[in-house]
Protein backbone atom coordinates (compact mmCIF):
# COMPACT_ATOMS: atom_id res chain seq x y z
CA MET A 1 205.88 -1.52 82.50
CA ASN A 2 209.55 -2.49 82.74
CA LYS A 3 211.18 -2.20 86.11
CA ALA A 4 214.71 -2.99 87.05
CA HIS A 5 215.27 -5.44 89.77
CA MET A 6 217.91 -7.61 91.32
CA GLY A 7 217.84 -11.14 92.70
CA TYR A 8 220.47 -13.06 94.65
CA PHE A 9 220.28 -16.78 94.89
CA GLU A 10 222.33 -17.66 97.81
CA LYS A 11 222.30 -21.43 97.33
CA ASP A 12 223.81 -21.13 93.83
CA ASP A 13 225.74 -17.84 94.53
CA VAL A 14 224.18 -16.25 91.52
CA LEU A 15 223.32 -12.56 91.15
CA HIS A 16 220.82 -11.64 88.54
CA LEU A 17 220.24 -8.01 87.47
CA ALA A 18 217.19 -7.41 85.23
CA ILE A 19 216.61 -4.04 83.61
CA SER A 20 213.55 -5.18 81.64
CA ASP A 21 210.84 -7.76 81.95
CA GLU A 22 211.01 -8.52 78.30
CA PRO A 23 211.66 -12.23 77.31
CA GLU A 24 215.21 -13.32 76.83
CA VAL A 25 215.96 -14.40 73.23
CA SER A 26 219.69 -14.90 73.41
CA SER A 27 222.68 -14.36 75.66
CA VAL A 28 226.35 -13.59 75.38
CA GLU A 29 229.04 -14.80 77.76
CA LEU A 30 231.27 -11.82 78.49
CA SER A 31 233.59 -13.82 80.70
CA PRO A 32 233.49 -17.30 82.32
CA ASN A 33 231.08 -16.07 85.10
CA ILE A 34 229.25 -13.14 83.50
CA THR A 35 226.50 -13.53 80.91
CA VAL A 36 224.36 -10.71 79.45
CA GLU A 37 220.81 -11.46 78.30
CA LEU A 38 219.34 -9.89 75.24
CA ASN A 39 215.85 -9.24 73.80
CA ASN A 40 214.77 -9.90 70.18
CA LYS A 41 216.26 -6.49 69.17
CA GLY A 42 219.68 -7.42 70.64
CA GLU A 43 219.20 -4.98 73.49
CA LEU A 44 220.53 -5.69 76.94
CA ILE A 45 217.82 -6.74 79.33
CA GLY A 46 219.76 -8.50 82.14
CA ILE A 47 223.04 -9.60 83.52
CA GLU A 48 223.80 -12.87 85.39
CA ILE A 49 226.91 -13.24 87.49
CA LEU A 50 228.02 -16.70 88.69
CA ASN A 51 230.08 -16.99 91.84
CA ALA A 52 228.70 -13.57 92.63
CA SER A 53 230.06 -13.25 96.21
CA ALA A 54 233.65 -13.64 95.03
CA PHE A 55 233.09 -11.39 92.05
CA VAL A 56 231.64 -8.56 94.25
CA ARG A 57 234.34 -9.07 96.89
CA ASP A 58 237.22 -8.97 94.41
CA SER A 59 235.74 -5.88 92.59
CA ILE A 60 235.43 -3.97 95.78
CA MET A 61 238.93 -4.97 96.93
CA GLU A 62 240.37 -3.91 93.63
CA SER A 63 238.82 -0.50 93.88
CA VAL A 64 239.89 -0.06 97.52
CA GLN A 65 243.42 -1.12 96.74
CA ALA A 66 243.61 1.22 93.82
CA LYS A 67 242.36 4.22 95.93
CA ILE A 68 244.82 3.39 98.78
CA LEU A 69 247.74 3.10 96.33
CA LYS A 70 246.39 6.06 94.33
CA PHE A 71 246.22 4.24 91.11
CA PRO A 72 243.76 5.46 88.41
CA ILE A 73 240.65 3.37 88.28
CA ALA A 74 239.52 2.39 84.76
CA ALA A 75 236.02 3.52 83.94
């Protein structure tokens, strides 16, 4: 059975989100620090975020600032 799970590797500051336990066949770099992992059908099975602490901090701060300044947040 496929179960979603998350792992954080503090030493390397890497966050790994897995939505399937299927083997990774390929990956696509979405940005310099974000890579998606794909199965043999090209379906998303995981996401890896490098420099995760800065990514999460910056994402949260951006949302908080937008709410404080009443800017619309992109979905």
